[in-house]
Structures are given as C-alpha cells and as structure tokens.
Amino acid sequence: MSDLPAGAGGPEKAGPGAPETDAERRRRRARFLRDLAEARALRARVQPRRAKAARLRHAMRMRTFRW
C-alpha cells in the first residue's frame, strides 16, 4: 500500500473536469487490484476455515463449469 494519504494524488491530477487518460486508469486499476489481493490474503490468514471452504466451493464451481 502507498504511504500517501487518500486525497494526495501525484502530478496526474489535472483537475476535477479533466478527462482521465488510459495510463491513469490502468494505474488506478492496478492499485485497486493490488489492494484487493492484499485484503483477500489478510482475510485468508485471519479466517483460515472460511477461506478453505471458499477455495473448495470455487474448485467445485470450476469442475462443474461447462464451456
């Protein structure tokens, strides 16, 4: 996670009405996905039984999925 406060953006912040570039959107998405993966890993460590059950359910869904 970044050490910057939530509202502190870098030089990519041009203003409230400025259109977002693809690079900014990809950067934001990558950060979101990193944070999401970190949160899932933390949840798996804190609740191992529930995480195991979720893994088993996901494996069952994948086995029974039809292409």
N, C-alpha and C. Protein backbone atom coordinates (compact mmCIF):
# COMPACT_ATOMS: atom_id res chain seq x y z
N MET A 1 0.82 -1.18 0.00
CA MET A 1 0.00 0.00 0.00
C MET A 1 0.87 1.24 0.00
N SER A 2 0.36 2.32 -0.48
CA SER A 2 1.11 3.55 -0.58
C SER A 2 1.09 4.30 0.75
N ASP A 3 2.13 5.10 0.97
CA ASP A 3 2.19 5.91 2.19
C ASP A 3 1.49 7.25 2.02
N LEU A 4 0.98 7.53 0.83
CA LEU A 4 0.30 8.79 0.60
C LEU A 4 -1.09 8.78 1.20
N PRO A 5 -1.56 9.92 1.68
CA PRO A 5 -2.95 9.98 2.14
C PRO A 5 -3.92 9.76 0.98
N ALA A 6 -5.14 9.46 1.32
CA ALA A 6 -6.14 9.10 0.30
C ALA A 6 -6.33 10.21 -0.73
N GLY A 7 -6.29 11.46 -0.33
CA GLY A 7 -6.56 12.54 -1.26
C GLY A 7 -5.32 13.07 -1.98
N ALA A 8 -4.15 12.57 -1.61
CA ALA A 8 -2.91 13.10 -2.20
C ALA A 8 -2.61 12.38 -3.50
N GLY A 9 -2.88 13.04 -4.60
CA GLY A 9 -2.58 12.47 -5.90
C GLY A 9 -1.26 13.01 -6.41
N GLY A 10 -0.71 12.37 -7.39
CA GLY A 10 0.54 12.82 -7.96
C GLY A 10 0.28 13.89 -9.00
N PRO A 11 1.21 14.06 -9.93
CA PRO A 11 1.05 15.07 -10.96
C PRO A 11 -0.05 14.74 -11.96
N GLU A 12 -0.61 13.52 -11.89
CA GLU A 12 -1.65 13.16 -12.85
C GLU A 12 -2.98 13.86 -12.56
N LYS A 13 -3.11 14.49 -11.41
CA LYS A 13 -4.34 15.21 -11.08
C LYS A 13 -4.35 16.56 -11.78
N ALA A 14 -5.11 16.67 -12.86
CA ALA A 14 -5.14 17.90 -13.63
C ALA A 14 -6.31 18.78 -13.20
N GLY A 15 -7.32 18.21 -12.60
CA GLY A 15 -8.49 18.99 -12.19
C GLY A 15 -9.71 18.11 -12.17
N PRO A 16 -10.78 18.59 -11.59
CA PRO A 16 -11.98 17.76 -11.47
C PRO A 16 -12.66 17.44 -12.79
N GLY A 17 -12.53 18.33 -13.77
CA GLY A 17 -13.22 18.11 -15.04
C GLY A 17 -12.32 17.54 -16.13
N ALA A 18 -11.05 17.30 -15.81
CA ALA A 18 -10.12 16.82 -16.83
C ALA A 18 -10.41 15.36 -17.18
N PRO A 19 -10.36 14.99 -18.45
CA PRO A 19 -10.58 13.59 -18.81
C PRO A 19 -9.43 12.71 -18.34
N GLU A 20 -9.76 11.50 -17.95
CA GLU A 20 -8.75 10.58 -17.43
C GLU A 20 -8.05 9.87 -18.59
N THR A 21 -6.73 9.77 -18.54
CA THR A 21 -6.00 9.09 -19.60
C THR A 21 -6.01 7.60 -19.33
N ASP A 22 -5.70 6.82 -20.37
CA ASP A 22 -5.65 5.36 -20.21
C ASP A 22 -4.60 4.96 -19.19
N ALA A 23 -3.46 5.64 -19.20
CA ALA A 23 -2.38 5.30 -18.26
C ALA A 23 -2.84 5.52 -16.82
N GLU A 24 -3.55 6.62 -16.57
CA GLU A 24 -4.05 6.89 -15.22
C GLU A 24 -5.06 5.83 -14.80
N ARG A 25 -5.95 5.48 -15.72
CA ARG A 25 -6.96 4.48 -15.40
C ARG A 25 -6.30 3.14 -15.10
N ARG A 26 -5.29 2.75 -15.90
CA ARG A 26 -4.59 1.48 -15.66
C ARG A 26 -3.85 1.51 -14.33
N ARG A 27 -3.25 2.67 -14.01
CA ARG A 27 -2.53 2.80 -12.74
C ARG A 27 -3.49 2.65 -11.56
N ARG A 28 -4.65 3.32 -11.67
CA ARG A 28 -5.66 3.22 -10.61
C ARG A 28 -6.17 1.79 -10.47
N ARG A 29 -6.42 1.14 -11.61
CA ARG A 29 -6.93 -0.23 -11.60
C ARG A 29 -5.89 -1.18 -11.00
N ALA A 30 -4.63 -1.00 -11.37
CA ALA A 30 -3.57 -1.86 -10.82
C ALA A 30 -3.48 -1.70 -9.30
N ARG A 31 -3.58 -0.45 -8.84
CA ARG A 31 -3.53 -0.22 -7.39
C ARG A 31 -4.73 -0.86 -6.70
N PHE A 32 -5.90 -0.72 -7.30
CA PHE A 32 -7.10 -1.33 -6.73
C PHE A 32 -6.94 -2.85 -6.64
N LEU A 33 -6.44 -3.46 -7.72
CA LEU A 33 -6.28 -4.92 -7.72
C LEU A 33 -5.24 -5.37 -6.71
N ARG A 34 -4.16 -4.59 -6.53
CA ARG A 34 -3.16 -4.92 -5.50
C ARG A 34 -3.79 -4.86 -4.12
N ASP A 35 -4.56 -3.80 -3.85
CA ASP A 35 -5.22 -3.66 -2.56
C ASP A 35 -6.22 -4.79 -2.33
N LEU A 36 -6.95 -5.16 -3.38
CA LEU A 36 -7.92 -6.23 -3.26
C LEU A 36 -7.24 -7.56 -2.95
N ALA A 37 -6.13 -7.84 -3.63
CA ALA A 37 -5.39 -9.08 -3.37
C ALA A 37 -4.84 -9.09 -1.95
N GLU A 38 -4.37 -7.93 -1.49
CA GLU A 38 -3.85 -7.83 -0.13
C GLU A 38 -4.97 -8.08 0.88
N ALA A 39 -6.15 -7.52 0.63
CA ALA A 39 -7.28 -7.72 1.54
C ALA A 39 -7.71 -9.18 1.57
N ARG A 40 -7.72 -9.84 0.40
CA ARG A 40 -8.10 -11.25 0.36
C ARG A 40 -7.09 -12.11 1.10
N ALA A 41 -5.79 -11.79 0.94
CA ALA A 41 -4.75 -12.55 1.64
C ALA A 41 -4.90 -12.38 3.15
N LEU A 42 -5.17 -11.16 3.59
CA LEU A 42 -5.36 -10.91 5.01
C LEU A 42 -6.57 -11.68 5.54
N ARG A 43 -7.65 -11.67 4.78
CA ARG A 43 -8.86 -12.38 5.20
C ARG A 43 -8.60 -13.89 5.29
N ALA A 44 -7.82 -14.41 4.33
CA ALA A 44 -7.49 -15.84 4.35
C ALA A 44 -6.65 -16.19 5.58
N ARG A 45 -5.76 -15.28 5.99
CA ARG A 45 -4.94 -15.54 7.18
C ARG A 45 -5.78 -15.46 8.45
N VAL A 46 -6.71 -14.51 8.48
CA VAL A 46 -7.49 -14.29 9.69
C VAL A 46 -8.59 -15.35 9.85
N GLN A 47 -9.14 -15.80 8.74
CA GLN A 47 -10.24 -16.76 8.78
C GLN A 47 -9.89 -17.99 7.93
N PRO A 48 -8.93 -18.82 8.38
CA PRO A 48 -8.47 -19.92 7.53
C PRO A 48 -9.57 -20.93 7.20
N ARG A 49 -10.47 -21.20 8.13
CA ARG A 49 -11.51 -22.21 7.86
C ARG A 49 -12.47 -21.71 6.78
N ARG A 50 -12.88 -20.46 6.89
CA ARG A 50 -13.78 -19.88 5.89
C ARG A 50 -13.08 -19.79 4.53
N ALA A 51 -11.80 -19.43 4.55
CA ALA A 51 -11.05 -19.34 3.29
C ALA A 51 -10.93 -20.71 2.63
N LYS A 52 -10.72 -21.73 3.44
CA LYS A 52 -10.61 -23.09 2.88
C LYS A 52 -11.94 -23.50 2.26
N ALA A 53 -13.03 -23.22 2.95
CA ALA A 53 -14.35 -23.55 2.42
C ALA A 53 -14.60 -22.79 1.11
N ALA A 54 -14.18 -21.52 1.06
CA ALA A 54 -14.36 -20.73 -0.16
C ALA A 54 -13.53 -21.32 -1.31
N ARG A 55 -12.31 -21.76 -1.00
CA ARG A 55 -11.47 -22.39 -2.04
C ARG A 55 -12.12 -23.67 -2.56
N LEU A 56 -12.67 -24.46 -1.66
CA LEU A 56 -13.32 -25.71 -2.07
C LEU A 56 -14.56 -25.42 -2.92
N ARG A 57 -15.35 -24.42 -2.53
CA ARG A 57 -16.52 -24.05 -3.33
C ARG A 57 -16.11 -23.58 -4.71
N HIS A 58 -15.05 -22.78 -4.76
CA HIS A 58 -14.58 -22.28 -6.05
C HIS A 58 -14.09 -23.44 -6.92
N ALA A 59 -13.37 -24.38 -6.33
CA ALA A 59 -12.88 -25.54 -7.08
C ALA A 59 -14.06 -26.36 -7.62
N MET A 60 -15.10 -26.50 -6.82
CA MET A 60 -16.28 -27.26 -7.27
C MET A 60 -16.96 -26.53 -8.43
N ARG A 61 -17.08 -25.22 -8.33
CA ARG A 61 -17.66 -24.45 -9.44
C ARG A 61 -16.84 -24.62 -10.71
N MET A 62 -15.53 -24.60 -10.57
CA MET A 62 -14.67 -24.73 -11.75
C MET A 62 -14.80 -26.13 -12.36
N ARG A 63 -14.93 -27.14 -11.52
CA ARG A 63 -15.06 -28.52 -12.05
C ARG A 63 -16.38 -28.74 -12.76
N THR A 64 -17.42 -28.08 -12.30
CA THR A 64 -18.74 -28.32 -12.88
C THR A 64 -19.11 -27.32 -13.97
N PHE A 65 -18.22 -26.38 -14.25
CA PHE A 65 -18.50 -25.35 -15.25
C PHE A 65 -18.42 -25.97 -16.65
N ARG A 66 -19.39 -25.62 -17.49
CA ARG A 66 -19.40 -26.11 -18.87
C ARG A 66 -18.97 -25.02 -19.82
N TRP A 67 -18.06 -25.30 -20.72
CA TRP A 67 -17.61 -24.31 -21.70
C TRP A 67 -18.58 -24.26 -22.79
